[in-house]
Amino acid sequence: MTRVAVALSCSAEQRTELTNLARSRTEEARLVERAKIILACLEGKRNDEVSRELGVRPNTVGLWRQRFAARGMAGLRDRPRPGKKPRYGAELRLRLLRQLELPPPPGLAGWDGSTLAAALGVSDAAVWRVLRNEGIQLRRHRSWCVSTDPQFAAKAADIIGLYLNPPENALVLSVDEKPSIQALERATGYVLTSSGKIVQGLKSTYKRHGTVNLFAALEVATGVIRGKTTKTKKRVDFQAFMSEIVEDQPSEREIHVILDNYCTHKKNESWLAAHPNVTFHFTPTSASWLNQVEIWFRRELSQCRTVEAGDPRLHRRLQRTSRAVCLAQARGQRGAVATYYR
């Protein structure tokens, strides 16, 4: 008995969609072929005629004719398939996360994909697949420092209060030191790279000419910098720097000094007893960022270049460079004067 093909019909919208799909150059080739089969069937052609015209098997034409008759345009899409059974289950994620919390193998500073795969007995691809899904990047590092000072709130409020509402007629100073600024002698110049760009070049080898330490005091109200360079950064150097600052001020004027918790800033009771108008305010532990002079060090000294090569007075020139950095703070400020103590 001869079988009769299923009769097809469609709306105008479906025919337009089929036509656009059949003419598409960006859709999948199999979807384009299926749209052409349905359009030919809608013209009343038999399955064998359509198969000869499009170069496909008659059974293929019959399959998509039935699928379109049953489900319309959705029938032209492939049905969901179970796919290959997963080799590793959901427990691999938990095993991997637990493994990351354990110490790495001896001799290694941290875990990587291969060592994780070996420890878990799975493939490298499976490990990296889980890491990507979890957003874990084994070689990317971030650092942070959280203050554990139990008096953080009180100390921070004290310092911020000095910034926002200092005592009347008082001098508020933000003081710190930049230790071990190196005087390096190395050849410098401009070089032409293989890409055709001209860049500043530095020779990889250099000669050391000692270091200097820069003490700096920032006047919070005016932005004026007071600086001094020393060969060492001992407590006596710090006290000498503070004494020179105090000598420039009237004896009855209050001076409030904001400091971090470096050892040379502590145990200065005898010096404070000799200068009763001076009060030290310490930042919370691991919170030296509250000291405004740190901002000045970062901004200004990062622009301080290595002194030129071939100068026999490199150490002295570095001292003058540090002095210039201090004096540059006053440029563009009407009436502002930076002080540099020798």
C-alpha atoms as a PDB file:
ATOM      1  CA  MET A   1       0.000   0.000   0.000  1.00  0.00           C
ATOM      2  CA  THR A   2       1.409   3.369  -1.029  1.00  0.00           C
ATOM      3  CA  ARG A   3       2.072   5.753   1.839  1.00  0.00           C
ATOM      4  CA  VAL A   4       0.794   9.313   1.522  1.00  0.00           C
ATOM      5  CA  ALA A   5       2.986  12.193   2.767  1.00  0.00           C
ATOM      6  CA  VAL A   6       1.610  14.496   5.438  1.00  0.00           C
ATOM      7  CA  ALA A   7       0.070  17.633   3.937  1.00  0.00           C
ATOM      8  CA  LEU A   8       1.679  20.860   5.121  1.00  0.00           C
ATOM      9  CA  SER A   9       0.273  24.348   5.657  1.00  0.00           C
ATOM     10  CA  CYS A  10       1.688  27.463   7.285  1.00  0.00           C
ATOM     11  CA  SER A  11       0.829  31.053   8.038  1.00  0.00           C
ATOM     12  CA  ALA A  12       2.217  34.047   6.176  1.00  0.00           C
ATOM     13  CA  GLU A  13       4.538  34.822   9.093  1.00  0.00           C
ATOM     14  CA  GLN A  14       5.921  31.272   9.062  1.00  0.00           C
ATOM     15  CA  ARG A  15       6.474  31.370   5.301  1.00  0.00           C
ATOM     16  CA  THR A  16       8.376  34.657   5.623  1.00  0.00           C
ATOM     17  CA  GLU A  17      10.506  33.176   8.390  1.00  0.00           C
ATOM     18  CA  LEU A  18      11.196  30.065   6.328  1.00  0.00           C
ATOM     19  CA  THR A  19      12.170  32.156   3.308  1.00  0.00           C
ATOM     20  CA  ASN A  20      14.557  34.283   5.321  1.00  0.00           C
ATOM     21  CA  LEU A  21      16.083  31.177   6.900  1.00  0.00           C
ATOM     22  CA  ALA A  22      16.553  29.483   3.518  1.00  0.00           C
ATOM     23  CA  ARG A  23      18.362  32.546   2.157  1.00  0.00           C
ATOM     24  CA  SER A  24      20.502  33.123   5.240  1.00  0.00           C
ATOM     25  CA  ARG A  25      24.289  32.998   5.014  1.00  0.00           C
ATOM     26  CA  THR A  26      24.882  33.196   8.750  1.00  0.00           C
ATOM     27  CA  GLU A  27      22.571  30.504  10.131  1.00  0.00           C
ATOM     28  CA  GLU A  28      23.656  26.885  10.534  1.00  0.00           C
ATOM     29  CA  ALA A  29      23.775  24.985   7.226  1.00  0.00           C
ATOM     30  CA  ARG A  30      21.483  22.250   8.546  1.00  0.00           C
ATOM     31  CA  LEU A  31      18.766  24.787   9.446  1.00  0.00           C
ATOM     32  CA  VAL A  32      19.027  26.372   5.986  1.00  0.00           C
ATOM     33  CA  GLU A  33      18.633  22.940   4.384  1.00  0.00           C
ATOM     34  CA  ARG A  34      15.588  22.097   6.520  1.00  0.00           C
ATOM     35  CA  ALA A  35      13.922  25.408   5.617  1.00  0.00           C
ATOM     36  CA  LYS A  36      14.443  24.664   1.903  1.00  0.00           C
ATOM     37  CA  ILE A  37      12.898  21.207   2.360  1.00  0.00           C
ATOM     38  CA  ILE A  38       9.786  22.646   4.017  1.00  0.00           C
ATOM     39  CA  LEU A  39       9.394  25.378   1.365  1.00  0.00           C
ATOM     40  CA  ALA A  40       9.586  22.738  -1.379  1.00  0.00           C
ATOM     41  CA  CYS A  41       7.021  20.573   0.442  1.00  0.00           C
ATOM     42  CA  LEU A  42       4.684  23.559   0.782  1.00  0.00           C
ATOM     43  CA  GLU A  43       4.730  23.849  -3.017  1.00  0.00           C
ATOM     44  CA  GLY A  44       3.033  20.420  -3.155  1.00  0.00           C
ATOM     45  CA  LYS A  45       6.054  18.391  -4.228  1.00  0.00           C
ATOM     46  CA  ARG A  46       6.464  14.753  -3.219  1.00  0.00           C
ATOM     47  CA  ASN A  47       9.277  13.598  -0.969  1.00  0.00           C
ATOM     48  CA  ASP A  48      11.200  11.924  -3.789  1.00  0.00           C
ATOM     49  CA  GLU A  49      10.981  15.089  -5.907  1.00  0.00           C
ATOM     50  CA  VAL A  50      12.296  17.230  -3.076  1.00  0.00           C
ATOM     51  CA  SER A  51      15.109  14.768  -2.317  1.00  0.00           C
ATOM     52  CA  ARG A  52      16.296  14.805  -5.952  1.00  0.00           C
ATOM     53  CA  GLU A  53      16.084  18.611  -6.111  1.00  0.00           C
ATOM     54  CA  LEU A  54      18.032  19.247  -2.916  1.00  0.00           C
ATOM     55  CA  GLY A  55      20.317  16.195  -3.020  1.00  0.00           C
ATOM     56  CA  VAL A  56      19.132  14.588   0.245  1.00  0.00           C
ATOM     57  CA  ARG A  57      17.586  11.217   1.109  1.00  0.00           C
ATOM     58  CA  PRO A  58      13.796  10.807   0.845  1.00  0.00           C
ATOM     59  CA  ASN A  59      13.684   9.644   4.473  1.00  0.00           C
ATOM     60  CA  THR A  60      15.248  12.984   5.501  1.00  0.00           C
ATOM     61  CA  VAL A  61      12.523  14.891   3.670  1.00  0.00           C
ATOM     62  CA  GLY A  62       9.831  12.767   5.337  1.00  0.00           C
ATOM     63  CA  LEU A  63      11.328  13.306   8.779  1.00  0.00           C
ATOM     64  CA  TRP A  64      11.319  17.125   8.593  1.00  0.00           C
ATOM     65  CA  ARG A  65       7.907  17.158   6.927  1.00  0.00           C
ATOM     66  CA  GLN A  66       6.476  15.305   9.930  1.00  0.00           C
ATOM     67  CA  ARG A  67       8.384  17.430  12.437  1.00  0.00           C
ATOM     68  CA  PHE A  68       7.119  20.674  10.869  1.00  0.00           C
ATOM     69  CA  ALA A  69       3.553  19.384  10.708  1.00  0.00           C
ATOM     70  CA  ALA A  70       3.671  18.486  14.423  1.00  0.00           C
ATOM     71  CA  ARG A  71       5.584  21.418  15.942  1.00  0.00           C
ATOM     72  CA  GLY A  72       5.865  24.165  13.331  1.00  0.00           C
ATOM     73  CA  MET A  73       9.054  26.219  13.242  1.00  0.00           C
ATOM     74  CA  ALA A  74      10.207  24.777  16.567  1.00  0.00           C
ATOM     75  CA  GLY A  75      10.263  21.329  14.961  1.00  0.00           C
ATOM     76  CA  LEU A  76      13.148  22.346  12.715  1.00  0.00           C
ATOM     77  CA  ARG A  77      15.450  22.677  15.721  1.00  0.00           C
ATOM     78  CA  ASP A  78      17.286  19.670  17.129  1.00  0.00           C
ATOM     79  CA  ARG A  79      15.702  18.111  20.177  1.00  0.00           C
ATOM     80  CA  PRO A  80      17.622  18.285  23.481  1.00  0.00           C
ATOM     81  CA  ARG A  81      20.041  15.413  23.774  1.00  0.00           C
ATOM     82  CA  PRO A  82      21.444  13.900  26.952  1.00  0.00           C
ATOM     83  CA  GLY A  83      25.005  14.099  25.674  1.00  0.00           C
ATOM     84  CA  LYS A  84      27.927  12.219  27.061  1.00  0.00           C
ATOM     85  CA  LYS A  85      27.666  11.178  30.674  1.00  0.00           C
ATOM     86  CA  PRO A  86      29.846  13.454  32.858  1.00  0.00           C
ATOM     87  CA  ARG A  87      33.077  11.836  33.879  1.00  0.00           C
ATOM     88  CA  TYR A  88      33.289  13.857  37.104  1.00  0.00           C
ATOM     89  CA  GLY A  89      30.292  14.674  39.233  1.00  0.00           C
ATOM     90  CA  ALA A  90      29.387  17.782  41.200  1.00  0.00           C
ATOM     91  CA  GLU A  91      31.495  16.563  44.114  1.00  0.00           C
ATOM     92  CA  LEU A  92      34.660  17.496  42.176  1.00  0.00           C
ATOM     93  CA  ARG A  93      33.969  21.171  42.898  1.00  0.00           C
ATOM     94  CA  LEU A  94      33.841  20.550  46.657  1.00  0.00           C
ATOM     95  CA  ARG A  95      36.952  18.383  46.572  1.00  0.00           C
ATOM     96  CA  LEU A  96      38.883  21.038  44.642  1.00  0.00           C
ATOM     97  CA  LEU A  97      37.850  23.862  46.972  1.00  0.00           C
ATOM     98  CA  ARG A  98      38.855  21.814  49.997  1.00  0.00           C
ATOM     99  CA  GLN A  99      42.200  20.977  48.375  1.00  0.00           C
ATOM    100  CA  LEU A 100      42.967  24.664  47.803  1.00  0.00           C
ATOM    101  CA  GLU A 101      42.749  25.239  51.550  1.00  0.00           C
ATOM    102  CA  LEU A 102      45.477  22.668  52.202  1.00  0.00           C
ATOM    103  CA  PRO A 103      49.230  23.396  51.989  1.00  0.00           C
ATOM    104  CA  PRO A 104      50.747  22.810  48.524  1.00  0.00           C
ATOM    105  CA  PRO A 105      53.163  19.917  47.924  1.00  0.00           C
ATOM    106  CA  PRO A 106      56.666  20.295  49.410  1.00  0.00           C
ATOM    107  CA  GLY A 107      58.880  22.592  47.394  1.00  0.00           C
ATOM    108  CA  LEU A 108      56.010  24.590  45.882  1.00  0.00           C
ATOM    109  CA  ALA A 109      54.844  28.040  46.958  1.00  0.00           C
ATOM    110  CA  GLY A 110      51.276  27.497  45.796  1.00  0.00           C
ATOM    111  CA  TRP A 111      48.886  25.308  43.859  1.00  0.00           C
ATOM    112  CA  ASP A 112      48.644  25.240  40.080  1.00  0.00           C
ATOM    113  CA  GLY A 113      46.437  23.317  37.687  1.00  0.00           C
ATOM    114  CA  SER A 114      48.764  20.347  37.231  1.00  0.00           C
ATOM    115  CA  THR A 115      49.457  19.811  40.938  1.00  0.00           C
ATOM    116  CA  LEU A 116      45.744  20.081  41.743  1.00  0.00           C
ATOM    117  CA  ALA A 117      44.914  17.538  39.056  1.00  0.00           C
ATOM    118  CA  ALA A 118      47.567  15.147  40.377  1.00  0.00           C
ATOM    119  CA  ALA A 119      46.366  15.532  43.970  1.00  0.00           C
ATOM    120  CA  LEU A 120      42.725  14.945  43.031  1.00  0.00           C
ATOM    121  CA  GLY A 121      43.381  12.221  40.466  1.00  0.00           C
ATOM    122  CA  VAL A 122      41.533  14.039  37.660  1.00  0.00           C
ATOM    123  CA  SER A 123      42.504  15.604  34.350  1.00  0.00           C
ATOM    124  CA  ASP A 124      43.980  19.085  34.008  1.00  0.00           C
ATOM    125  CA  ALA A 125      41.048  20.145  31.820  1.00  0.00           C
ATOM    126  CA  ALA A 126      38.558  19.194  34.542  1.00  0.00           C
ATOM    127  CA  VAL A 127      40.459  21.262  37.119  1.00  0.00           C
ATOM    128  CA  TRP A 128      40.635  24.341  34.923  1.00  0.00           C
ATOM    129  CA  ARG A 129      36.964  23.976  34.009  1.00  0.00           C
ATOM    130  CA  VAL A 130      35.987  24.157  37.696  1.00  0.00           C
ATOM    131  CA  LEU A 131      38.388  27.031  38.357  1.00  0.00           C
ATOM    132  CA  ARG A 132      36.937  29.054  35.474  1.00  0.00           C
ATOM    133  CA  ASN A 133      33.376  28.421  36.632  1.00  0.00           C
ATOM    134  CA  GLU A 134      34.272  29.552  40.155  1.00  0.00           C
ATOM    135  CA  GLY A 135      36.262  32.578  38.973  1.00  0.00           C
ATOM    136  CA  ILE A 136      39.419  31.380  40.745  1.00  0.00           C
ATOM    137  CA  GLN A 137      42.737  32.656  39.344  1.00  0.00           C
ATOM    138  CA  LEU A 138      45.612  30.870  41.021  1.00  0.00           C
ATOM    139  CA  ARG A 139      48.392  33.234  39.906  1.00  0.00           C
ATOM    140  CA  ARG A 140      46.676  36.564  40.527  1.00  0.00           C
ATOM    141  CA  HIS A 141      47.467  38.114  43.908  1.00  0.00           C
ATOM    142  CA  ARG A 142      46.004  40.964  45.902  1.00  0.00           C
ATOM    143  CA  SER A 143      47.326  42.283  49.186  1.00  0.00           C
ATOM    144  CA  TRP A 144      45.603  44.223  51.918  1.00  0.00           C
ATOM    145  CA  CYS A 145      46.240  45.274  55.476  1.00  0.00           C
ATOM    146  CA  VAL A 146      43.480  45.499  58.056  1.00  0.00           C
ATOM    147  CA  SER A 147      44.185  47.285  61.305  1.00  0.00           C
ATOM    148  CA  THR A 148      43.600  45.178  64.401  1.00  0.00           C
ATOM    149  CA  ASP A 149      44.091  48.085  66.780  1.00  0.00           C
ATOM    150  CA  PRO A 150      41.338  47.856  69.452  1.00  0.00           C
ATOM    151  CA  GLN A 151      41.415  51.680  69.704  1.00  0.00           C
ATOM    152  CA  PHE A 152      41.193  52.229  65.950  1.00  0.00           C
ATOM    153  CA  ALA A 153      38.001  54.304  66.057  1.00  0.00           C
ATOM    154  CA  ALA A 154      39.232  56.622  68.821  1.00  0.00           C
ATOM    155  CA  LYS A 155      42.683  57.175  67.253  1.00  0.00           C
ATOM    156  CA  ALA A 156      41.264  57.697  63.767  1.00  0.00           C
ATOM    157  CA  ALA A 157      38.667  60.164  65.070  1.00  0.00           C
ATOM    158  CA  ASP A 158      41.407  62.088  66.887  1.00  0.00           C
ATOM    159  CA  ILE A 159      43.513  62.471  63.729  1.00  0.00           C
ATOM    160  CA  ILE A 160      40.589  63.263  61.441  1.00  0.00           C
ATOM    161  CA  GLY A 161      39.468  65.867  63.962  1.00  0.00           C
ATOM    162  CA  LEU A 162      42.876  67.544  63.677  1.00  0.00           C
ATOM    163  CA  TYR A 163      42.474  67.647  59.907  1.00  0.00           C
ATOM    164  CA  LEU A 164      38.918  68.999  59.886  1.00  0.00           C
ATOM    165  CA  ASN A 165      38.785  71.111  63.035  1.00  0.00           C
ATOM    166  CA  PRO A 166      42.266  71.837  64.450  1.00  0.00           C
ATOM    167  CA  PRO A 167      42.667  73.811  67.705  1.00  0.00           C
ATOM    168  CA  GLU A 168      42.639  77.572  67.221  1.00  0.00           C
ATOM    169  CA  ASN A 169      46.075  79.097  66.475  1.00  0.00           C
ATOM    170  CA  ALA A 170      47.681  75.648  66.740  1.00  0.00           C
ATOM    171  CA  LEU A 171      50.141  74.154  64.266  1.00  0.00           C
ATOM    172  CA  VAL A 172      49.208  70.688  62.976  1.00  0.00           C
ATOM    173  CA  LEU A 173      52.065  68.745  61.374  1.00  0.00           C
ATOM    174  CA  SER A 174      52.030  65.417  59.572  1.00  0.00           C
ATOM    175  CA  VAL A 175      55.515  63.937  60.030  1.00  0.00           C
ATOM    176  CA  ASP A 176      57.244  60.861  58.642  1.00  0.00           C
ATOM    177  CA  GLU A 177      60.533  59.815  57.063  1.00  0.00           C
ATOM    178  CA  LYS A 178      61.535  58.287  53.739  1.00  0.00           C
ATOM    179  CA  PRO A 179      64.460  55.981  54.509  1.00  0.00           C
ATOM    180  CA  SER A 180      67.239  54.635  52.318  1.00  0.00           C
ATOM    181  CA  ILE A 181      66.897  56.811  49.226  1.00  0.00           C
ATOM    182  CA  GLN A 182      69.636  55.364  47.026  1.00  0.00           C
ATOM    183  CA  ALA A 183      72.258  57.290  45.053  1.00  0.00           C
ATOM    184  CA  LEU A 184      72.847  55.041  42.052  1.00  0.00           C
ATOM    185  CA  GLU A 185      75.315  55.737  39.263  1.00  0.00           C
ATOM    186  CA  ARG A 186      74.308  54.161  35.981  1.00  0.00           C
ATOM    187  CA  ALA A 187      74.497  55.034  32.295  1.00  0.00           C
ATOM    188  CA  THR A 188      71.300  56.541  30.881  1.00  0.00           C
ATOM    189  CA  GLY A 189      70.215  57.810  27.498  1.00  0.00           C
ATOM    190  CA  TYR A 190      67.698  57.440  24.712  1.00  0.00           C
ATOM    191  CA  VAL A 191      67.704  54.275  22.583  1.00  0.00           C
ATOM    192  CA  LEU A 192      65.948  53.277  19.381  1.00  0.00           C
ATOM    193  CA  THR A 193      64.010  50.025  19.817  1.00  0.00           C
ATOM    194  CA  SER A 194      63.378  47.381  17.169  1.00  0.00           C
ATOM    195  CA  SER A 195      59.794  48.678  16.823  1.00  0.00           C
ATOM    196  CA  GLY A 196      61.088  52.092  15.804  1.00  0.00           C
ATOM    197  CA  LYS A 197      60.171  53.827  19.081  1.00  0.00           C
ATOM    198  CA  ILE A 198      62.628  55.959  21.041  1.00  0.00           C
ATOM    199  CA  VAL A 199      62.603  55.255  24.772  1.00  0.00           C
ATOM    200  CA  GLN A 200      64.761  56.183  27.747  1.00  0.00           C
ATOM    201  CA  GLY A 201      67.225  53.414  28.491  1.00  0.00           C
ATOM    202  CA  LEU A 202      68.923  52.512  31.771  1.00  0.00           C
ATOM    203  CA  LYS A 203      71.947  50.262  31.997  1.00  0.00           C
ATOM    204  CA  SER A 204      71.262  47.146  34.044  1.00  0.00           C
ATOM    205  CA  THR A 205      74.444  47.489  36.099  1.00  0.00           C
ATOM    206  CA  TYR A 206      75.059  50.391  38.459  1.00  0.00           C
ATOM    207  CA  LYS A 207      77.346  51.640  41.208  1.00  0.00           C
ATOM    208  CA  ARG A 208      76.088  52.471  44.691  1.00  0.00           C
ATOM    209  CA  HIS A 209      77.021  55.746  46.374  1.00  0.00           C
ATOM    210  CA  GLY A 210      75.261  55.325  49.704  1.00  0.00           C
ATOM    211  CA  THR A 211      71.813  56.342  50.838  1.00  0.00           C
ATOM    212  CA  VAL A 212      70.156  59.273  52.579  1.00  0.00           C
ATOM    213  CA  ASN A 213      67.053  59.516  54.748  1.00  0.00           C
ATOM    214  CA  LEU A 214      64.532  62.285  54.260  1.00  0.00           C
ATOM    215  CA  PHE A 215      62.475  63.570  57.191  1.00  0.00           C
ATOM    216  CA  ALA A 216      59.447  65.603  56.134  1.00  0.00           C
ATOM    217  CA  ALA A 217      56.800  67.555  58.026  1.00  0.00           C
ATOM    218  CA  LEU A 218      53.651  68.652  56.205  1.00  0.00           C
ATOM    219  CA  GLU A 219      51.761  71.659  57.564  1.00  0.00           C
ATOM    220  CA  VAL A 220      48.185  70.454  57.231  1.00  0.00           C
ATOM    221  CA  ALA A 221      46.673  73.945  57.035  1.00  0.00           C
ATOM    222  CA  THR A 222      48.995  75.397  54.367  1.00  0.00           C
ATOM    223  CA  GLY A 223      50.549  72.420  52.582  1.00  0.00           C
ATOM    224  CA  VAL A 224      54.062  73.688  53.307  1.00  0.00           C
ATOM    225  CA  ILE A 225      56.741  71.007  53.566  1.00  0.00           C
ATOM    226  CA  ARG A 226      59.647  71.133  56.024  1.00  0.00           C
ATOM    227  CA  GLY A 227      62.406  68.655  55.255  1.00  0.00           C
ATOM    228  CA  LYS A 228      65.817  67.423  56.353  1.00  0.00           C
ATOM    229  CA  THR A 229      68.176  64.712  55.088  1.00  0.00           C
ATOM    230  CA  THR A 230      70.276  62.570  57.416  1.00  0.00           C
ATOM    231  CA  LYS A 231      72.618  59.624  57.027  1.00  0.00           C
ATOM    232  CA  THR A 232      70.719  57.614  59.646  1.00  0.00           C
ATOM    233  CA  LYS A 233      67.128  57.433  60.889  1.00  0.00           C
ATOM    234  CA  LYS A 234      67.702  56.971  64.589  1.00  0.00           C
ATOM    235  CA  ARG A 235      65.678  58.469  67.415  1.00  0.00           C
ATOM    236  CA  VAL A 236      68.258  61.238  67.902  1.00  0.00           C
ATOM    237  CA  ASP A 237      67.853  62.211  64.226  1.00  0.00           C
ATOM    238  CA  PHE A 238      64.095  62.393  64.630  1.00  0.00           C
ATOM    239  CA  GLN A 239      64.379  64.472  67.795  1.00  0.00           C
ATOM    240  CA  ALA A 240      66.860  66.841  66.143  1.00  0.00           C
ATOM    241  CA  PHE A 241      64.477  67.358  63.231  1.00  0.00           C
ATOM    242  CA  MET A 242      61.564  68.046  65.569  1.00  0.00           C
ATOM    243  CA  SER A 243      63.681  70.433  67.668  1.00  0.00           C
ATOM    244  CA  GLU A 244      64.507  72.500  64.594  1.00  0.00           C
ATOM    245  CA  ILE A 245      60.809  72.745  63.743  1.00  0.00           C
ATOM    246  CA  VAL A 246      59.859  73.748  67.281  1.00  0.00           C
ATOM    247  CA  GLU A 247      62.555  76.436  67.423  1.00  0.00           C
ATOM    248  CA  ASP A 248      60.875  78.240  64.494  1.00  0.00           C
ATOM    249  CA  GLN A 249      57.601  78.539  66.414  1.00  0.00           C
ATOM    250  CA  PRO A 250      56.626  80.734  69.403  1.00  0.00           C
ATOM    251  CA  SER A 251      57.059  78.860  72.675  1.00  0.00           C
ATOM    252  CA  GLU A 252      53.404  79.350  73.640  1.00  0.00           C
ATOM    253  CA  ARG A 253      51.994  77.974  70.360  1.00  0.00           C
ATOM    254  CA  GLU A 254      50.466  74.505  70.473  1.00  0.00           C
ATOM    255  CA  ILE A 255      52.018  72.012  68.057  1.00  0.00           C
ATOM    256  CA  HIS A 256      50.174  68.782  67.239  1.00  0.00           C
ATOM    257  CA  VAL A 257      52.253  66.147  65.423  1.00  0.00           C
ATOM    258  CA  ILE A 258      50.655  63.209  63.590  1.00  0.00           C
ATOM    259  CA  LEU A 259      52.946  60.164  63.467  1.00  0.00           C
ATOM    260  CA  ASP A 260      52.817  56.486  62.638  1.00  0.00           C
ATOM    261  CA  ASN A 261      53.962  53.798  65.056  1.00  0.00           C
ATOM    262  CA  TYR A 262      57.582  53.508  63.898  1.00  0.00           C
ATOM    263  CA  CYS A 263      59.979  52.771  66.769  1.00  0.00           C
ATOM    264  CA  THR A 264      61.860  56.100  66.522  1.00  0.00           C
ATOM    265  CA  HIS A 265      58.590  57.964  67.093  1.00  0.00           C
ATOM    266  CA  LYS A 266      58.005  56.192  70.390  1.00  0.00           C
ATOM    267  CA  LYS A 267      59.821  56.540  73.744  1.00  0.00           C
ATOM    268  CA  ASN A 268      60.358  60.290  73.376  1.00  0.00           C
ATOM    269  CA  GLU A 269      58.977  61.201  76.807  1.00  0.00           C
ATOM    270  CA  SER A 270      62.070  63.163  77.826  1.00  0.00           C
ATOM    271  CA  TRP A 271      61.968  65.252  74.652  1.00  0.00           C
ATOM    272  CA  LEU A 272      58.214  65.885  75.077  1.00  0.00           C
ATOM    273  CA  ALA A 273      58.799  66.935  78.692  1.00  0.00           C
ATOM    274  CA  ALA A 274      61.277  69.545  77.456  1.00  0.00           C
ATOM    275  CA  HIS A 275      58.707  70.801  74.919  1.00  0.00           C
ATOM    276  CA  PRO A 276      55.357  70.902  76.752  1.00  0.00           C
ATOM    277  CA  ASN A 277      53.636  72.709  73.858  1.00  0.00           C
ATOM    278  CA  VAL A 278      54.114  69.662  71.577  1.00  0.00           C
ATOM    279  CA  THR A 279      51.637  66.748  71.492  1.00  0.00           C
ATOM    280  CA  PHE A 280      52.151  63.521  69.539  1.00  0.00           C
ATOM    281  CA  HIS A 281      49.140  61.815  67.942  1.00  0.00           C
ATOM    282  CA  PHE A 282      49.733  58.257  66.684  1.00  0.00           C
ATOM    283  CA  THR A 283      47.818  56.584  63.899  1.00  0.00           C
ATOM    284  CA  PRO A 284      46.259  53.183  64.619  1.00  0.00           C
ATOM    285  CA  THR A 285      48.520  50.222  63.952  1.00  0.00           C
ATOM    286  CA  SER A 286      48.680  49.234  60.276  1.00  0.00           C
ATOM    287  CA  ALA A 287      46.910  52.490  59.345  1.00  0.00           C
ATOM    288  CA  SER A 288      49.729  54.851  58.407  1.00  0.00           C
ATOM    289  CA  TRP A 289      47.594  55.875  55.399  1.00  0.00           C
ATOM    290  CA  LEU A 290      45.865  58.272  57.810  1.00  0.00           C
ATOM    291  CA  ASN A 291      49.092  60.301  57.828  1.00  0.00           C
ATOM    292  CA  GLN A 292      48.769  62.889  55.049  1.00  0.00           C
ATOM    293  CA  VAL A 293      52.504  63.208  54.472  1.00  0.00           C
ATOM    294  CA  GLU A 294      52.433  59.665  53.070  1.00  0.00           C
ATOM    295  CA  ILE A 295      50.459  61.057  50.118  1.00  0.00           C
ATOM    296  CA  TRP A 296      53.148  63.670  49.525  1.00  0.00           C
ATOM    297  CA  PHE A 297      55.914  61.064  49.643  1.00  0.00           C
ATOM    298  CA  ARG A 298      54.094  58.915  47.094  1.00  0.00           C
ATOM    299  CA  ARG A 299      53.347  61.759  44.702  1.00  0.00           C
ATOM    300  CA  GLU A 300      56.520  63.806  44.855  1.00  0.00           C
ATOM    301  CA  LEU A 301      59.307  61.274  45.425  1.00  0.00           C
ATOM    302  CA  SER A 302      57.974  58.964  42.696  1.00  0.00           C
ATOM    303  CA  GLN A 303      58.985  61.739  40.260  1.00  0.00           C
ATOM    304  CA  CYS A 304      62.530  61.972  41.673  1.00  0.00           C
ATOM    305  CA  ARG A 305      64.880  60.544  39.008  1.00  0.00           C
ATOM    306  CA  THR A 306      68.202  58.808  39.537  1.00  0.00           C
ATOM    307  CA  VAL A 307      70.998  61.361  39.474  1.00  0.00           C
ATOM    308  CA  GLU A 308      73.192  61.529  36.382  1.00  0.00           C
ATOM    309  CA  ALA A 309      76.040  59.094  35.903  1.00  0.00           C
ATOM    310  CA  GLY A 310      79.646  60.136  36.093  1.00  0.00           C
ATOM    311  CA  ASP A 311      79.187  62.731  38.846  1.00  0.00           C
ATOM    312  CA  PRO A 312      81.698  62.101  41.682  1.00  0.00           C
ATOM    313  CA  ARG A 313      79.431  63.960  44.129  1.00  0.00           C
ATOM    314  CA  LEU A 314      76.403  61.711  43.711  1.00  0.00           C
ATOM    315  CA  HIS A 315      75.598  61.514  47.414  1.00  0.00           C
ATOM    316  CA  ARG A 316      75.647  65.318  47.731  1.00  0.00           C
ATOM    317  CA  ARG A 317      73.549  65.696  44.598  1.00  0.00           C
ATOM    318  CA  LEU A 318      70.966  63.299  45.999  1.00  0.00           C
ATOM    319  CA  GLN A 319      70.696  65.490  49.089  1.00  0.00           C
ATOM    320  CA  ARG A 320      70.116  68.520  46.853  1.00  0.00           C
ATOM    321  CA  THR A 321      67.501  66.552  44.883  1.00  0.00           C
ATOM    322  CA  SER A 322      65.620  65.765  48.098  1.00  0.00           C
ATOM    323  CA  ARG A 323      65.820  69.441  49.048  1.00  0.00           C
ATOM    324  CA  ALA A 324      64.461  70.446  45.644  1.00  0.00           C
ATOM    325  CA  VAL A 325      61.538  68.082  46.093  1.00  0.00           C
ATOM    326  CA  CYS A 326      60.701  69.824  49.374  1.00  0.00           C
ATOM    327  CA  LEU A 327      61.013  73.318  47.883  1.00  0.00           C
ATOM    328  CA  ALA A 328      58.944  72.391  44.828  1.00  0.00           C
ATOM    329  CA  GLN A 329      55.909  72.070  47.075  1.00  0.00           C
ATOM    330  CA  ALA A 330      55.855  75.861  47.501  1.00  0.00           C
ATOM    331  CA  ARG A 331      55.788  76.646  43.794  1.00  0.00           C
ATOM    332  CA  GLY A 332      52.560  78.249  42.693  1.00  0.00           C
ATOM    333  CA  GLN A 333      51.424  78.960  46.286  1.00  0.00           C
ATOM    334  CA  ARG A 334      51.264  82.670  47.059  1.00  0.00           C
ATOM    335  CA  GLY A 335      53.118  83.441  50.255  1.00  0.00           C
ATOM    336  CA  ALA A 336      54.006  79.790  50.929  1.00  0.00           C
ATOM    337  CA  VAL A 337      57.590  79.023  51.940  1.00  0.00           C
ATOM    338  CA  ALA A 338      59.118  75.558  52.251  1.00  0.00           C
ATOM    339  CA  THR A 339      61.844  75.135  54.863  1.00  0.00           C
ATOM    340  CA  TYR A 340      64.777  72.773  54.457  1.00  0.00           C
ATOM    341  CA  TYR A 341      67.011  72.055  57.468  1.00  0.00           C
ATOM    342  CA  ARG A 342      70.625  71.153  56.749  1.00  0.00           C
END
